[in-house]
Amino acid sequence: MLILFGGIVHGYLPSLGHSTSSFSYTLALILTWFVAIPALATFLIGYSLTAVLTERKENQARMRAYDEKRSASL
């Protein structure tokens, strides 16, 4: 996405100039690799961890209720 953003910025903002260097594309690529990908990975890891811990808590509560019900019937 940032690569596309770099292309859009390079193509539509004349204040950046029209040099033959590929600095804007390099900058977009660097931002993609060092900012966007780690941010996405951090978000996905956090989301997964939250989902797993929530499900574990629900399972523990369900097991507690099951054990209480089972011990009451014995």
Foldseek 3Di string as FASTA:
>chain_A
DLLVVLVCCQPPPCVVPDDPDPVSNVVSVCCCVPPVVVVVVVVVVVVVVVVVVVVVVVVVVVVVVVVVVVVVVD
